[in-house]
Amino acid sequence: MKLCEGLHQIRVDFQVTPEIKRFAYIYLIEGTACYLVDSGVGGSEKAIFSYMEKIGRRPEEIRGIFLTHAHPDHIGSASVIRELTGCTVYASRGERRWIENIDLQFQERPIPNFHALAGASTQVDAVVTDGDVITPEPGMEIKVIGSRGHSCDGVSYWLRNREILFTGDAIPVWNDVPIYINRDWSMDTLHRLASLSPVRFYCPAWDKVYTGREGAEAISRALDLIEEIQRGVDAVMKDRPATDRAALISQICTKLGMERFLGNPLFAGTIASHLPSGMQDISSRES
């Protein structure tokens, strides 16, 4: 779908399990060449190339893939596209280890159907860090915004000359499972994203594109959601919680009215990030 001149959104649907269907958005930036923000799950190159054909562009015009973080629904087709086009893969140092070694990622963050979703390991050609400014071609300037919280070293990309901000999964979405590994990091990231100006469009991976005002409202709702989860956790902890891991998570989910997320190990990691430091080992190394 064309969002504005030189910017397109490509949706890819996938199954985590037969019962759990998810989707992610990939963004295609047009200039003299073409650039992707994230690459979807394994096999997403088919949807990307098909869309490019419809708008009169060729896969070999892809010169860069800007990865927001290392999770399978973002890196899945990067290896294939890099091999076919010779494009540059950009990612942060902290996410690089999982991008270049998906078996390590599965060991440390096992999820159902992982290898089909994650595709294959791919080399990171350019390591980015907070504050970097990348000029992939004349007239195109991309600033890297550190956005850890959902993952250990996630980044957002701010296409400043077009006032477009690509946020990956940095903004938790109401009515969806909130996933982050560190509450404080996530809140800091949200405040940072809210402070950027000018932003004409916010482009997340899990939600619709927001206008500037809508994006500010979405960030405010996300901060409220994190605070609501903290209040629920505090209430359960005050009332002599269960010491058994599963029972504690169940108590908190019930208190929050989020029973639908019970049994989701990634949401268990979210809850763990709100617990006193001595109890946070109920989550894995990175959830």
Protein backbone atom coordinates (compact mmCIF):
# COMPACT_ATOMS: atom_id res chain seq x y z
CA MET A 1 0.00 0.00 0.00
CA LYS A 2 1.34 3.42 -0.95
CA LEU A 3 1.38 5.70 2.09
CA CYS A 4 2.79 8.79 0.47
CA GLU A 5 5.23 9.63 -2.31
CA GLY A 6 8.20 7.29 -2.02
CA LEU A 7 6.88 5.23 0.91
CA HIS A 8 5.01 1.92 0.86
CA GLN A 9 3.75 -0.52 3.49
CA ILE A 10 3.76 -4.27 2.84
CA ARG A 11 1.83 -6.54 5.20
CA VAL A 12 2.90 -10.15 5.75
CA ASP A 13 0.69 -12.60 7.64
CA PHE A 14 2.08 -15.67 9.36
CA GLN A 15 1.22 -18.42 11.82
CA VAL A 16 3.14 -18.72 15.08
CA THR A 17 1.09 -21.81 15.87
CA PRO A 18 -1.98 -23.21 14.11
CA GLU A 19 -4.06 -21.21 16.61
CA ILE A 20 -2.01 -17.99 16.70
CA LYS A 21 -2.00 -15.83 13.59
CA ARG A 22 0.10 -12.69 13.50
CA PHE A 23 1.21 -10.09 10.98
CA ALA A 24 4.02 -7.59 10.57
CA TYR A 25 4.54 -4.58 8.36
CA ILE A 26 7.57 -4.06 6.15
CA TYR A 27 8.26 -0.60 4.77
CA LEU A 28 9.68 0.12 1.32
CA ILE A 29 11.40 3.48 0.80
CA GLU A 30 11.84 4.67 -2.75
CA GLY A 31 14.66 6.92 -3.88
CA THR A 32 17.04 6.49 -6.75
CA ALA A 33 17.32 2.96 -5.30
CA CYS A 34 15.02 1.13 -2.87
CA TYR A 35 15.40 0.42 0.85
CA LEU A 36 13.53 -1.81 3.28
CA VAL A 37 12.80 -1.25 6.94
CA ASP A 38 12.67 -4.81 8.33
CA SER A 39 12.11 -7.88 6.19
CA GLY A 40 9.22 -9.85 7.68
CA VAL A 41 9.33 -13.59 8.34
CA GLY A 42 11.01 -16.25 6.26
CA GLY A 43 9.58 -16.27 2.74
CA SER A 44 8.45 -12.62 2.86
CA GLU A 45 10.71 -11.82 -0.07
CA LYS A 46 7.97 -13.20 -2.34
CA ALA A 47 5.49 -10.56 -1.15
CA ILE A 48 8.16 -7.84 -1.30
CA PHE A 49 9.26 -8.66 -4.83
CA SER A 50 5.68 -9.03 -6.04
CA TYR A 51 4.79 -5.61 -4.65
CA MET A 52 7.87 -4.03 -6.19
CA GLU A 53 6.92 -5.43 -9.57
CA LYS A 54 3.47 -3.84 -9.27
CA ILE A 55 4.96 -0.39 -8.68
CA GLY A 56 7.53 -0.74 -11.45
CA ARG A 57 10.61 -1.42 -9.33
CA ARG A 58 12.96 -4.41 -9.48
CA PRO A 59 14.32 -6.50 -6.56
CA GLU A 60 17.90 -5.76 -7.62
CA GLU A 61 17.19 -2.08 -6.88
CA ILE A 62 17.16 -2.87 -3.13
CA ARG A 63 20.33 -1.34 -1.72
CA GLY A 64 19.69 -1.58 2.00
CA ILE A 65 17.70 -3.35 4.73
CA PHE A 66 17.37 -1.41 7.97
CA LEU A 67 16.58 -3.91 10.75
CA THR A 68 14.95 -2.47 13.86
CA HIS A 69 15.76 -5.57 15.92
CA ALA A 70 16.53 -9.28 15.70
CA HIS A 71 13.17 -10.99 16.23
CA PRO A 72 12.04 -13.50 13.57
CA ASP A 73 9.21 -11.41 12.11
CA HIS A 74 11.73 -8.67 11.28
CA ILE A 75 14.78 -10.56 10.00
CA GLY A 76 13.16 -13.54 8.27
CA SER A 77 13.84 -12.73 4.62
CA ALA A 78 16.93 -10.54 5.08
CA SER A 79 19.36 -13.34 4.27
CA VAL A 80 17.66 -14.25 0.99
CA ILE A 81 17.30 -10.63 -0.11
CA ARG A 82 20.92 -9.84 0.76
CA GLU A 83 22.12 -12.87 -1.19
CA LEU A 84 20.01 -12.01 -4.26
CA THR A 85 20.69 -8.27 -4.34
CA GLY A 86 23.99 -7.69 -2.55
CA CYS A 87 22.31 -5.03 -0.42
CA THR A 88 23.69 -3.68 2.86
CA VAL A 89 22.11 -4.97 6.07
CA TYR A 90 22.01 -2.42 8.90
CA ALA A 91 21.44 -3.35 12.56
CA SER A 92 22.63 -2.43 16.05
CA ARG A 93 25.52 -4.11 17.81
CA GLY A 94 23.34 -5.61 20.53
CA GLU A 95 20.96 -7.23 18.04
CA ARG A 96 23.71 -8.41 15.70
CA ARG A 97 24.56 -11.59 17.61
CA TRP A 98 21.03 -12.98 17.13
CA ILE A 99 20.78 -11.84 13.51
CA GLU A 100 24.03 -13.51 12.57
CA ASN A 101 23.28 -16.66 14.61
CA ILE A 102 19.60 -17.57 14.67
CA ASP A 103 20.37 -20.86 16.45
CA LEU A 104 21.72 -18.82 19.36
CA GLN A 105 18.54 -16.75 19.30
CA PHE A 106 16.39 -19.88 19.43
CA GLN A 107 18.45 -21.20 22.32
CA GLU A 108 17.99 -17.99 24.30
CA ARG A 109 14.45 -17.08 23.14
CA PRO A 110 12.63 -20.19 21.95
CA ILE A 111 9.25 -19.58 20.34
CA PRO A 112 7.02 -21.96 18.35
CA ASN A 113 7.82 -22.36 14.65
CA PHE A 114 10.98 -20.34 15.18
CA HIS A 115 13.17 -21.53 12.33
CA ALA A 116 10.46 -21.21 9.70
CA LEU A 117 9.77 -17.65 10.87
CA ALA A 118 13.39 -16.58 11.31
CA GLY A 119 14.59 -17.82 7.93
CA ALA A 120 18.38 -18.00 8.05
CA SER A 121 21.21 -16.19 9.77
CA THR A 122 22.46 -13.20 7.86
CA GLN A 123 25.53 -11.02 8.06
CA VAL A 124 25.16 -7.50 9.39
CA ASP A 125 27.20 -5.29 7.07
CA ALA A 126 26.82 -1.98 8.90
CA VAL A 127 26.51 -1.67 12.68
CA VAL A 128 24.43 1.31 13.75
CA THR A 129 24.19 3.05 17.09
CA ASP A 130 22.04 5.73 18.67
CA GLY A 131 22.65 9.11 17.07
CA ASP A 132 24.23 7.84 13.86
CA VAL A 133 23.16 9.61 10.69
CA ILE A 134 23.17 7.46 7.55
CA THR A 135 23.00 8.86 4.03
CA PRO A 136 22.28 5.85 1.81
CA GLU A 137 22.02 8.15 -1.22
CA PRO A 138 22.10 11.91 -1.83
CA GLY A 139 19.04 13.65 -0.42
CA MET A 140 18.13 10.80 1.95
CA GLU A 141 19.12 11.15 5.60
CA ILE A 142 18.29 8.54 8.23
CA LYS A 143 18.99 9.12 11.92
CA VAL A 144 19.28 6.13 14.26
CA ILE A 145 17.26 6.43 17.48
CA GLY A 146 18.10 3.96 20.26
CA SER A 147 14.84 2.20 21.17
CA ARG A 148 15.64 -0.64 23.53
CA GLY A 149 12.95 -2.15 25.73
CA HIS A 150 11.05 -4.48 23.43
CA SER A 151 14.45 -6.02 22.75
CA CYS A 152 17.93 -5.52 24.17
CA ASP A 153 19.24 -3.01 21.63
CA GLY A 154 16.40 -2.18 19.23
CA VAL A 155 16.52 0.98 17.16
CA SER A 156 14.10 3.25 15.32
CA TYR A 157 14.97 4.96 12.06
CA TRP A 158 14.03 8.60 11.51
CA LEU A 159 13.91 9.56 7.84
CA ARG A 160 14.33 13.19 8.68
CA ASN A 161 14.09 14.82 5.27
CA ARG A 162 10.66 13.18 4.83
CA GLU A 163 9.64 13.45 8.53
CA ILE A 164 8.93 9.71 8.82
CA LEU A 165 9.78 7.61 11.89
CA PHE A 166 10.00 3.80 11.70
CA THR A 167 9.50 2.44 15.22
CA GLY A 168 9.53 -1.35 14.84
CA ASP A 169 7.87 -2.80 17.94
CA ALA A 170 8.98 -0.04 20.31
CA ILE A 171 5.43 1.23 20.97
CA PRO A 172 3.24 -1.31 22.84
CA VAL A 173 -0.26 -1.46 21.39
CA TRP A 174 -3.50 -1.43 23.39
CA ASN A 175 -5.66 -4.53 22.86
CA ASP A 176 -2.61 -6.54 21.81
CA VAL A 177 -0.07 -8.47 23.85
CA PRO A 178 2.44 -5.97 25.29
CA ILE A 179 5.95 -7.39 24.89
CA TYR A 180 9.04 -5.80 26.39
CA ILE A 181 11.96 -7.10 28.42
CA ASN A 182 12.63 -4.01 30.51
CA ARG A 183 9.93 -1.63 31.75
CA ASP A 184 12.28 1.30 32.36
CA TRP A 185 13.97 0.98 28.97
CA SER A 186 10.60 0.91 27.24
CA MET A 187 9.35 3.98 29.06
CA ASP A 188 12.56 5.86 28.31
CA THR A 189 12.26 4.90 24.63
CA LEU A 190 8.65 6.10 24.47
CA HIS A 191 9.58 9.46 25.96
CA ARG A 192 12.45 9.77 23.48
CA LEU A 193 10.23 8.99 20.51
CA ALA A 194 7.65 11.50 21.72
CA SER A 195 10.30 14.21 21.84
CA LEU A 196 11.31 13.90 18.18
CA SER A 197 10.16 16.63 15.82
CA PRO A 198 9.12 16.99 13.12
CA VAL A 199 7.41 13.62 12.58
CA ARG A 200 4.71 13.53 9.93
CA PHE A 201 4.17 9.75 10.07
CA TYR A 202 4.95 7.10 12.69
CA CYS A 203 5.39 3.70 11.01
CA PRO A 204 5.20 0.78 13.47
CA ALA A 205 5.49 -2.91 12.62
CA TRP A 206 2.42 -4.06 14.55
CA ASP A 207 -0.10 -1.29 14.03
CA LYS A 208 -1.43 1.15 11.47
CA VAL A 209 0.58 4.16 10.37
CA TYR A 210 -0.05 7.16 12.61
CA THR A 211 -0.08 10.82 11.73
CA GLY A 212 2.04 13.00 13.98
CA ARG A 213 -0.79 13.68 16.42
CA GLU A 214 -2.01 10.07 16.36
CA GLY A 215 1.53 8.89 17.07
CA ALA A 216 1.82 11.13 20.09
CA GLU A 217 -1.49 9.76 21.35
CA ALA A 218 -0.36 6.16 20.75
CA ILE A 219 2.80 6.78 22.75
CA SER A 220 0.77 8.29 25.58
CA ARG A 221 -1.53 5.23 25.59
CA ALA A 222 1.51 2.94 25.65
CA LEU A 223 2.92 4.74 28.67
CA ASP A 224 -0.47 4.43 30.38
CA LEU A 225 -0.51 0.70 29.58
CA ILE A 226 2.90 0.15 31.16
CA GLU A 227 1.80 2.06 34.26
CA GLU A 228 -1.42 0.03 34.42
CA ILE A 229 0.54 -3.21 34.34
CA GLN A 230 2.77 -1.89 37.12
CA ARG A 231 -0.27 -1.07 39.27
CA GLY A 232 -1.64 -4.56 38.72
CA VAL A 233 1.66 -6.18 39.63
CA ASP A 234 2.00 -3.99 42.74
CA ALA A 235 -1.52 -4.90 43.86
CA VAL A 236 -0.85 -8.62 43.55
CA MET A 237 2.52 -8.36 45.29
CA LYS A 238 0.92 -6.47 48.17
CA ASP A 239 -1.67 -9.19 48.70
CA ARG A 240 0.76 -12.02 49.45
CA PRO A 241 1.26 -13.45 45.97
CA ALA A 242 1.86 -17.06 45.11
CA THR A 243 5.51 -18.10 45.01
CA ASP A 244 4.97 -20.59 42.21
CA ARG A 245 5.86 -19.02 38.84
CA ALA A 246 2.76 -20.12 36.93
CA ALA A 247 0.42 -19.20 39.77
CA LEU A 248 1.97 -15.75 40.15
CA ILE A 249 1.64 -15.00 36.45
CA SER A 250 -1.95 -16.22 36.54
CA GLN A 251 -2.75 -13.95 39.50
CA ILE A 252 -1.31 -10.91 37.74
CA CYS A 253 -3.04 -11.66 34.42
CA THR A 254 -6.36 -12.00 36.25
CA LYS A 255 -5.82 -8.78 38.18
CA LEU A 256 -5.11 -6.94 34.93
CA GLY A 257 -8.02 -8.52 33.05
CA MET A 258 -5.47 -9.97 30.62
CA GLU A 259 -6.28 -13.65 31.00
CA ARG A 260 -6.13 -13.99 27.21
CA PHE A 261 -2.34 -13.62 27.46
CA LEU A 262 -1.99 -16.29 30.13
CA GLY A 263 0.42 -18.93 28.91
CA ASN A 264 2.22 -16.56 26.54
CA PRO A 265 5.89 -16.77 27.58
CA LEU A 266 6.65 -13.39 26.05
CA PHE A 267 4.00 -11.69 28.17
CA ALA A 268 5.43 -13.53 31.18
CA GLY A 269 8.68 -11.71 30.40
CA THR A 270 6.81 -8.41 30.31
CA ILE A 271 5.37 -9.07 33.75
CA ALA A 272 8.79 -10.13 35.04
CA SER A 273 10.21 -6.74 34.10
CA HIS A 274 7.78 -5.15 36.58
CA LEU A 275 8.69 -7.41 39.50
CA PRO A 276 11.23 -6.66 42.24
CA SER A 277 14.73 -7.43 40.98
CA GLY A 278 15.06 -10.60 43.03
CA MET A 279 12.01 -12.11 41.36
CA GLN A 280 12.74 -11.24 37.73
CA ASP A 281 14.30 -14.60 36.97
CA ILE A 282 10.85 -15.95 36.11
CA SER A 283 11.65 -14.74 32.60
CA SER A 284 14.31 -15.98 30.23
CA ARG A 285 17.43 -14.00 29.35
CA GLU A 286 15.51 -12.04 26.72
CA SER A 287 11.78 -12.53 26.38
